[in-house]
Amino acid sequence: MAVYISLTIIVTLLGFFVATSGRTVLLDNHGEICDFTKQKAFNLGFVFMVFMLLFGVSVCRIAVGNDYWVYRDYILKIAAGRHVATEFGFNYLVKFCQFLTQNDECYLLVLGIFSLATVYLFVKAMYEQSLWFGMSVYLLLTGGYYFLSLNSVRYYFAVAIALVAMRQVIKGEWIKFVLMVLVGACFHKSLLIILVLYPLARLKWNRWVMGGAIALCASLVVFKDLYRKLLFLVYPYYENSMFDDGSVSVVNILKGAAIVGFALFYYRKYIKDSEADRFYLNLQIGALMLYCFGSFIPEVSRIGYYLNISLVFLIPNVLKKIENRKAKIFFTVAIMLAFAGYFAFFLKGADSVDIRIIPYRNWIFN
């Protein structure tokens, strides 16, 4: 636990040294700042340190995560030519690593590659899309997204791809978006869901969209058995499993409601005319709808995280735009304290059997 708390503090402080001025940032429909300046070089140095610290903790772990040894078992089964439940992209990557090392038990290399790719995509997305890099880093860590990537390896690689793909959706680069999703789906097929969800989040709210959203929520209540049958055609092993308990995620609902409420408070002034921030807000609203009406879906967070991870962009972007100094300080402090509390709640349960990222061990000293 001390490792994770120390990492969060150090990386957040480093992130706050990255200034908005002089770095490449998505600016809706007004182009990009791309001139190489002294400030940008300074920024890249701190961004690189953030990347190395996050990557270092991830790549050096051993026996951390509920599925750590499950992946080792997968790798050995792939070497033996036996059937595994993982997607073909993962299977071919494992075979390539086994050929490269001439070692069937190359799980450190395989998991290291996923650590490198996932952390790189997380940092790349925040650097390119957030108006306040340091706050985005803080939310990524205290929101649990980075630390959960130490557990669900393939899934959080897909989440990292989704985070980067938001840029292509906002810019309307649909071919790039689809290609990124298809590549990511070779490692975790759940990523395919954003081919539908992300374009829908681009829609502007009007009476037709509002009616469609209400109808969707109603259908989740009335036709939940039909949705479950369709879901189990793709994921049959979830039916009647330990994850199929219909539990309602009260914490995610409260968190989502608070974020949406904060964003709507500043909607007309800072979000309405920003295509990027409207998209991020719509993803948050979608996540809130899902957690409220889709609790019958096993591991509903597998879909919800593709939506609510947009908070690492939405919250910093709104905070950065607030002109009233007292209001900016108040909301910044309030949000940081709220996420610190959420982080403490997350760490308290991080040693549970379905997560097990505590205690942290690494192959250098352990």
Protein backbone atom coordinates (compact mmCIF):
# COMPACT_ATOMS: atom_id res chain seq x y z
CA MET A 1 0.00 0.00 0.00
CA ALA A 2 2.88 2.37 0.83
CA VAL A 3 4.28 1.82 -2.68
CA TYR A 4 1.01 2.84 -4.31
CA ILE A 5 0.46 5.90 -2.12
CA SER A 6 4.07 7.07 -2.62
CA LEU A 7 3.81 6.51 -6.37
CA THR A 8 0.58 8.52 -6.54
CA ILE A 9 2.08 11.47 -4.65
CA ILE A 10 5.35 11.56 -6.60
CA VAL A 11 3.82 11.08 -10.04
CA THR A 12 1.10 13.67 -9.38
CA LEU A 13 3.69 16.25 -8.29
CA LEU A 14 5.72 15.57 -11.42
CA GLY A 15 2.59 15.87 -13.52
CA PHE A 16 1.77 19.29 -12.12
CA PHE A 17 5.06 20.61 -13.55
CA VAL A 18 3.72 19.98 -17.06
CA ALA A 19 2.33 23.30 -18.29
CA THR A 20 -0.44 23.67 -20.85
CA SER A 21 1.44 26.34 -22.78
CA GLY A 22 3.73 25.02 -25.48
CA ARG A 23 2.58 21.41 -25.60
CA THR A 24 0.51 19.52 -28.14
CA VAL A 25 -3.10 19.56 -26.96
CA LEU A 26 -6.45 18.85 -28.58
CA LEU A 27 -8.28 22.15 -28.98
CA ASP A 28 -11.63 21.13 -30.41
CA ASN A 29 -11.94 22.48 -33.96
CA HIS A 30 -9.20 25.10 -33.70
CA GLY A 31 -6.21 22.91 -34.56
CA GLU A 32 -3.23 22.02 -32.40
CA ILE A 33 -0.31 23.78 -30.76
CA CYS A 34 2.65 21.92 -32.21
CA ASP A 35 5.64 24.28 -32.20
CA PHE A 36 8.65 22.77 -30.42
CA THR A 37 9.47 25.21 -27.65
CA LYS A 38 11.65 25.20 -24.57
CA GLN A 39 8.53 24.71 -22.46
CA LYS A 40 7.52 21.71 -24.53
CA ALA A 41 10.94 20.13 -24.03
CA PHE A 42 10.61 20.79 -20.30
CA ASN A 43 7.15 19.20 -20.35
CA LEU A 44 8.31 16.12 -22.22
CA GLY A 45 11.01 15.55 -19.61
CA PHE A 46 8.47 15.43 -16.79
CA VAL A 47 6.03 13.37 -18.86
CA PHE A 48 8.84 10.86 -19.48
CA MET A 49 9.52 10.64 -15.73
CA VAL A 50 5.82 10.04 -15.09
CA PHE A 51 5.84 7.28 -17.70
CA MET A 52 8.97 5.61 -16.33
CA LEU A 53 7.68 5.53 -12.74
CA LEU A 54 4.30 4.10 -13.73
CA PHE A 55 5.90 1.63 -16.11
CA GLY A 56 8.55 0.64 -13.55
CA VAL A 57 6.03 -0.28 -10.85
CA SER A 58 3.91 -2.17 -13.36
CA VAL A 59 6.65 -4.09 -15.18
CA CYS A 60 8.54 -5.11 -12.03
CA ARG A 61 5.55 -6.66 -10.26
CA ILE A 62 5.34 -10.37 -9.59
CA ALA A 63 2.42 -12.33 -8.10
CA VAL A 64 0.42 -9.07 -8.07
CA GLY A 65 -3.15 -9.27 -9.32
CA ASN A 66 -5.79 -11.94 -9.12
CA ASP A 67 -5.06 -13.12 -12.66
CA TYR A 68 -1.25 -12.98 -12.54
CA TRP A 69 -0.74 -16.73 -12.26
CA VAL A 70 -3.77 -17.31 -14.46
CA TYR A 71 -1.82 -15.67 -17.27
CA ARG A 72 1.16 -17.85 -16.53
CA ASP A 73 -1.14 -20.86 -16.87
CA TYR A 74 -2.49 -19.50 -20.17
CA ILE A 75 1.04 -19.08 -21.50
CA LEU A 76 1.98 -22.66 -20.61
CA LYS A 77 -1.22 -23.99 -22.20
CA ILE A 78 -0.52 -22.03 -25.39
CA ALA A 79 2.96 -23.58 -25.50
CA ALA A 80 1.39 -27.02 -25.16
CA GLY A 81 -1.11 -26.31 -27.94
CA ARG A 82 -4.09 -26.49 -25.61
CA HIS A 83 -7.24 -24.36 -25.84
CA VAL A 84 -7.35 -21.07 -23.90
CA ALA A 85 -10.14 -18.53 -23.57
CA THR A 86 -7.98 -15.55 -24.59
CA GLU A 87 -8.24 -13.78 -27.96
CA PHE A 88 -5.99 -14.73 -30.87
CA GLY A 89 -3.97 -11.50 -30.65
CA PHE A 90 -2.80 -12.42 -27.16
CA ASN A 91 -2.17 -16.02 -28.20
CA TYR A 92 0.03 -15.04 -31.15
CA LEU A 93 1.92 -12.52 -29.02
CA VAL A 94 2.66 -15.30 -26.52
CA LYS A 95 3.83 -17.63 -29.29
CA PHE A 96 6.11 -14.91 -30.66
CA CYS A 97 7.63 -14.28 -27.21
CA GLN A 98 8.14 -18.02 -26.71
CA PHE A 99 9.87 -18.26 -30.08
CA LEU A 100 11.98 -15.20 -29.33
CA THR A 101 13.14 -16.42 -25.91
CA GLN A 102 13.01 -20.15 -26.62
CA ASN A 103 11.27 -20.38 -23.28
CA ASP A 104 7.69 -21.61 -22.81
CA GLU A 105 7.43 -19.87 -19.43
CA CYS A 106 8.00 -16.29 -20.60
CA TYR A 107 5.24 -14.65 -18.59
CA LEU A 108 7.51 -11.83 -17.33
CA LEU A 109 8.16 -10.73 -20.92
CA VAL A 110 4.53 -11.04 -22.00
CA LEU A 111 3.19 -9.09 -19.01
CA GLY A 112 6.03 -6.59 -19.41
CA ILE A 113 4.94 -5.86 -22.98
CA PHE A 114 1.40 -5.21 -21.78
CA SER A 115 2.73 -2.94 -19.02
CA LEU A 116 4.74 -0.94 -21.55
CA ALA A 117 1.87 -0.59 -24.01
CA THR A 118 -0.82 0.19 -21.41
CA VAL A 119 1.15 2.83 -19.51
CA TYR A 120 2.38 4.42 -22.75
CA LEU A 121 -1.17 4.75 -24.08
CA PHE A 122 -2.46 6.14 -20.77
CA VAL A 123 0.26 8.81 -20.66
CA LYS A 124 -0.03 9.59 -24.39
CA ALA A 125 -3.79 10.11 -24.12
CA MET A 126 -3.51 12.43 -21.11
CA TYR A 127 -0.71 14.46 -22.67
CA GLU A 128 -2.57 14.94 -25.95
CA GLN A 129 -6.12 15.45 -24.72
CA SER A 130 -6.07 17.02 -21.26
CA LEU A 131 -5.79 20.73 -20.57
CA TRP A 132 -4.33 19.93 -17.13
CA PHE A 133 -1.97 16.95 -17.30
CA GLY A 134 -1.18 16.80 -13.59
CA MET A 135 -4.83 16.65 -12.57
CA SER A 136 -5.48 13.95 -15.19
CA VAL A 137 -2.64 11.85 -13.76
CA TYR A 138 -4.02 12.30 -10.26
CA LEU A 139 -7.50 11.18 -11.33
CA LEU A 140 -6.15 8.21 -13.29
CA LEU A 141 -4.33 6.95 -10.19
CA THR A 142 -6.81 7.82 -7.43
CA GLY A 143 -9.67 6.63 -9.63
CA GLY A 144 -8.03 3.20 -9.56
CA TYR A 145 -7.65 2.79 -13.32
CA TYR A 146 -3.88 2.49 -13.36
CA PHE A 147 -3.70 0.19 -10.34
CA LEU A 148 -6.42 -2.10 -11.68
CA SER A 149 -4.31 -2.50 -14.84
CA LEU A 150 -1.95 -4.53 -12.64
CA ASN A 151 -4.75 -7.08 -12.40
CA SER A 152 -6.93 -7.27 -15.55
CA VAL A 153 -4.05 -7.07 -18.01
CA ARG A 154 -5.74 -7.50 -21.39
CA TYR A 155 -8.83 -5.54 -20.41
CA TYR A 156 -6.96 -2.44 -19.25
CA PHE A 157 -4.81 -2.53 -22.37
CA ALA A 158 -8.13 -2.27 -24.24
CA VAL A 159 -9.26 0.57 -21.92
CA ALA A 160 -6.01 2.43 -22.68
CA ILE A 161 -6.69 2.04 -26.41
CA ALA A 162 -10.20 3.39 -25.87
CA LEU A 163 -8.76 6.40 -24.05
CA VAL A 164 -6.51 7.22 -27.01
CA ALA A 165 -9.30 6.49 -29.51
CA MET A 166 -11.44 9.25 -27.97
CA ARG A 167 -9.19 11.71 -29.81
CA GLN A 168 -10.07 10.16 -33.18
CA VAL A 169 -13.79 10.24 -32.36
CA ILE A 170 -13.66 13.94 -31.48
CA LYS A 171 -11.69 14.75 -34.64
CA GLY A 172 -14.02 12.63 -36.77
CA GLU A 173 -11.23 10.33 -37.94
CA TRP A 174 -13.51 7.32 -38.12
CA ILE A 175 -11.24 5.02 -40.15
CA LYS A 176 -8.42 5.42 -37.61
CA PHE A 177 -10.92 4.91 -34.79
CA VAL A 178 -12.30 1.67 -36.25
CA LEU A 179 -8.81 0.31 -37.00
CA MET A 180 -7.64 1.03 -33.45
CA VAL A 181 -10.68 -0.71 -32.00
CA LEU A 182 -10.27 -3.75 -34.24
CA VAL A 183 -6.62 -4.09 -33.26
CA GLY A 184 -7.48 -3.76 -29.58
CA ALA A 185 -10.32 -6.29 -29.92
CA CYS A 186 -7.73 -8.88 -30.98
CA PHE A 187 -6.63 -8.78 -27.32
CA HIS A 188 -9.96 -8.14 -25.58
CA LYS A 189 -13.17 -8.35 -27.61
CA SER A 190 -15.17 -6.22 -25.17
CA LEU A 191 -13.55 -3.19 -26.82
CA LEU A 192 -15.91 -3.65 -29.79
CA ILE A 193 -18.69 -2.11 -27.70
CA ILE A 194 -17.22 1.37 -28.16
CA LEU A 195 -17.83 1.13 -31.92
CA VAL A 196 -21.44 1.82 -30.92
CA LEU A 197 -21.12 3.78 -27.68
CA TYR A 198 -18.55 6.40 -28.74
CA PRO A 199 -20.33 7.56 -31.92
CA LEU A 200 -23.56 7.80 -29.91
CA ALA A 201 -21.75 10.04 -27.41
CA ARG A 202 -21.02 12.48 -30.23
CA LEU A 203 -24.72 13.27 -30.61
CA LYS A 204 -26.00 16.62 -29.41
CA TRP A 205 -28.82 16.51 -26.91
CA ASN A 206 -32.26 17.31 -28.35
CA ARG A 207 -35.74 15.91 -27.80
CA TRP A 208 -35.06 12.93 -30.07
CA VAL A 209 -31.81 12.00 -28.34
CA MET A 210 -33.46 12.53 -24.96
CA GLY A 211 -36.34 10.29 -25.98
CA GLY A 212 -33.93 7.63 -27.22
CA ALA A 213 -32.00 7.72 -23.94
CA ILE A 214 -35.20 7.34 -21.91
CA ALA A 215 -36.34 4.49 -24.16
CA LEU A 216 -32.98 2.74 -23.76
CA CYS A 217 -33.14 2.99 -19.96
CA ALA A 218 -36.70 1.66 -20.03
CA SER A 219 -35.67 -1.25 -22.26
CA LEU A 220 -32.90 -2.18 -19.83
CA VAL A 221 -35.56 -2.57 -17.18
CA VAL A 222 -38.26 -4.26 -19.29
CA PHE A 223 -36.14 -6.45 -21.58
CA LYS A 224 -33.26 -7.34 -19.29
CA ASP A 225 -33.74 -11.08 -19.93
CA LEU A 226 -33.31 -10.51 -23.67
CA TYR A 227 -30.18 -8.44 -23.08
CA ARG A 228 -28.79 -11.19 -20.88
CA LYS A 229 -29.40 -13.86 -23.53
CA LEU A 230 -27.57 -11.75 -26.13
CA LEU A 231 -24.73 -11.11 -23.71
CA PHE A 232 -24.29 -14.78 -22.86
CA LEU A 233 -24.01 -15.66 -26.55
CA VAL A 234 -20.69 -13.78 -26.48
CA TYR A 235 -19.68 -14.51 -22.86
CA PRO A 236 -21.41 -17.84 -21.96
CA TYR A 237 -19.08 -18.47 -19.02
CA TYR A 238 -20.46 -15.44 -17.14
CA GLU A 239 -23.93 -16.96 -16.79
CA ASN A 240 -24.57 -18.06 -13.18
CA SER A 241 -20.95 -17.29 -12.33
CA MET A 242 -19.75 -15.42 -9.25
CA PHE A 243 -19.97 -12.20 -11.30
CA ASP A 244 -23.63 -12.79 -12.22
CA ASP A 245 -25.05 -11.48 -8.95
CA GLY A 246 -27.01 -8.43 -10.12
CA SER A 247 -25.38 -6.20 -7.53
CA VAL A 248 -25.79 -2.43 -7.86
CA SER A 249 -22.58 -0.39 -7.76
CA VAL A 250 -23.65 2.37 -5.39
CA VAL A 251 -20.16 3.89 -5.30
CA ASN A 252 -20.00 4.20 -9.10
CA ILE A 253 -23.51 5.68 -9.19
CA LEU A 254 -22.66 8.31 -6.57
CA LYS A 255 -19.35 9.12 -8.24
CA GLY A 256 -20.99 9.37 -11.66
CA ALA A 257 -23.83 11.55 -10.36
CA ALA A 258 -21.36 13.92 -8.67
CA ILE A 259 -19.25 14.27 -11.83
CA VAL A 260 -22.28 14.83 -14.08
CA GLY A 261 -23.69 17.35 -11.59
CA PHE A 262 -20.40 19.28 -11.49
CA ALA A 263 -20.17 19.31 -15.29
CA LEU A 264 -23.79 20.41 -15.75
CA PHE A 265 -23.21 23.27 -13.30
CA TYR A 266 -20.64 24.69 -15.73
CA TYR A 267 -22.23 23.31 -18.90
CA ARG A 268 -23.38 26.53 -20.55
CA LYS A 269 -20.23 28.45 -19.74
CA TYR A 270 -17.45 25.94 -20.46
CA ILE A 271 -18.82 22.76 -22.05
CA LYS A 272 -21.64 23.66 -24.43
CA ASP A 273 -19.35 25.08 -27.11
CA SER A 274 -16.60 22.48 -26.69
CA GLU A 275 -17.13 19.41 -28.85
CA ALA A 276 -14.50 17.48 -26.89
CA ASP A 277 -15.95 18.22 -23.45
CA ARG A 278 -19.52 17.55 -24.62
CA PHE A 279 -18.33 14.13 -25.77
CA TYR A 280 -16.62 13.42 -22.42
CA LEU A 281 -19.76 14.53 -20.54
CA ASN A 282 -22.00 12.31 -22.67
CA LEU A 283 -19.76 9.35 -21.84
CA GLN A 284 -20.18 10.14 -18.14
CA ILE A 285 -23.96 10.33 -18.54
CA GLY A 286 -23.89 7.01 -20.40
CA ALA A 287 -21.90 5.40 -17.60
CA LEU A 288 -24.37 6.71 -15.00
CA MET A 289 -27.31 5.32 -16.99
CA LEU A 290 -25.57 1.97 -17.29
CA TYR A 291 -24.82 1.67 -13.57
CA CYS A 292 -28.36 2.71 -12.65
CA PHE A 293 -30.27 0.47 -15.07
CA GLY A 294 -27.79 -2.22 -16.18
CA SER A 295 -26.90 -3.87 -12.89
CA PHE A 296 -28.16 -7.20 -14.28
CA ILE A 297 -25.13 -7.29 -16.61
CA PRO A 298 -22.33 -9.42 -15.10
CA GLU A 299 -19.27 -7.27 -14.45
CA VAL A 300 -21.09 -4.20 -15.73
CA SER A 301 -17.95 -2.17 -14.97
CA ARG A 302 -16.29 -3.86 -17.95
CA ILE A 303 -18.54 -1.63 -20.09
CA GLY A 304 -18.81 1.24 -17.62
CA TYR A 305 -15.06 1.89 -17.45
CA TYR A 306 -14.91 2.48 -21.21
CA LEU A 307 -17.27 5.38 -20.52
CA ASN A 308 -16.41 6.82 -17.12
CA ILE A 309 -12.64 6.90 -17.65
CA SER A 310 -13.34 10.06 -19.67
CA LEU A 311 -13.40 11.83 -16.29
CA VAL A 312 -9.60 12.12 -16.55
CA PHE A 313 -10.25 14.65 -19.35
CA LEU A 314 -13.60 16.19 -18.42
CA ILE A 315 -12.82 17.26 -14.86
CA PRO A 316 -9.38 18.83 -15.54
CA ASN A 317 -10.66 20.59 -18.67
CA VAL A 318 -13.53 22.22 -16.78
CA LEU A 319 -11.36 23.12 -13.78
CA LYS A 320 -8.78 24.69 -16.07
CA LYS A 321 -11.40 26.93 -17.68
CA ILE A 322 -12.98 28.26 -14.47
CA GLU A 323 -12.25 31.98 -14.38
CA ASN A 324 -13.29 32.76 -10.82
CA ARG A 325 -10.19 32.09 -8.71
CA LYS A 326 -12.05 31.22 -5.50
CA ALA A 327 -14.41 28.85 -7.32
CA LYS A 328 -11.48 27.17 -9.08
CA ILE A 329 -9.62 26.62 -5.81
CA PHE A 330 -12.76 25.38 -4.05
CA PHE A 331 -13.70 22.83 -6.69
CA THR A 332 -10.11 21.71 -7.23
CA VAL A 333 -9.58 21.04 -3.52
CA ALA A 334 -13.02 19.44 -3.13
CA ILE A 335 -12.49 17.11 -6.09
CA MET A 336 -8.99 16.14 -5.00
CA LEU A 337 -10.21 15.35 -1.48
CA ALA A 338 -13.16 13.37 -2.84
CA PHE A 339 -10.89 11.25 -5.04
CA ALA A 340 -8.41 10.83 -2.20
CA GLY A 341 -11.29 9.37 -0.18
CA TYR A 342 -12.27 7.14 -3.08
CA PHE A 343 -8.63 6.01 -3.39
CA ALA A 344 -8.52 5.12 0.30
CA PHE A 345 -11.76 3.13 -0.12
CA PHE A 346 -10.26 1.41 -3.18
CA LEU A 347 -7.01 0.49 -1.40
CA LYS A 348 -8.95 -0.87 1.57
CA GLY A 349 -10.42 -3.57 -0.65
CA ALA A 350 -7.42 -4.03 -2.94
CA ASP A 351 -6.38 -7.24 -1.19
CA SER A 352 -9.71 -8.97 -1.90
CA VAL A 353 -9.64 -12.27 -3.81
CA ASP A 354 -10.97 -10.71 -7.04
CA ILE A 355 -8.30 -7.97 -7.13
CA ARG A 356 -5.28 -8.90 -4.97
CA ILE A 357 -2.99 -6.05 -5.99
CA ILE A 358 -1.95 -5.72 -2.34
CA PRO A 359 0.62 -6.58 -1.09
CA TYR A 360 2.87 -5.30 -3.86
CA ARG A 361 5.82 -7.54 -4.75
CA ASN A 362 8.45 -7.20 -7.46
CA TRP A 363 10.87 -9.65 -9.03
CA ILE A 364 13.90 -7.48 -8.15
CA PHE A 365 13.62 -7.85 -4.36
CA ASN A 366 11.12 -10.73 -4.05
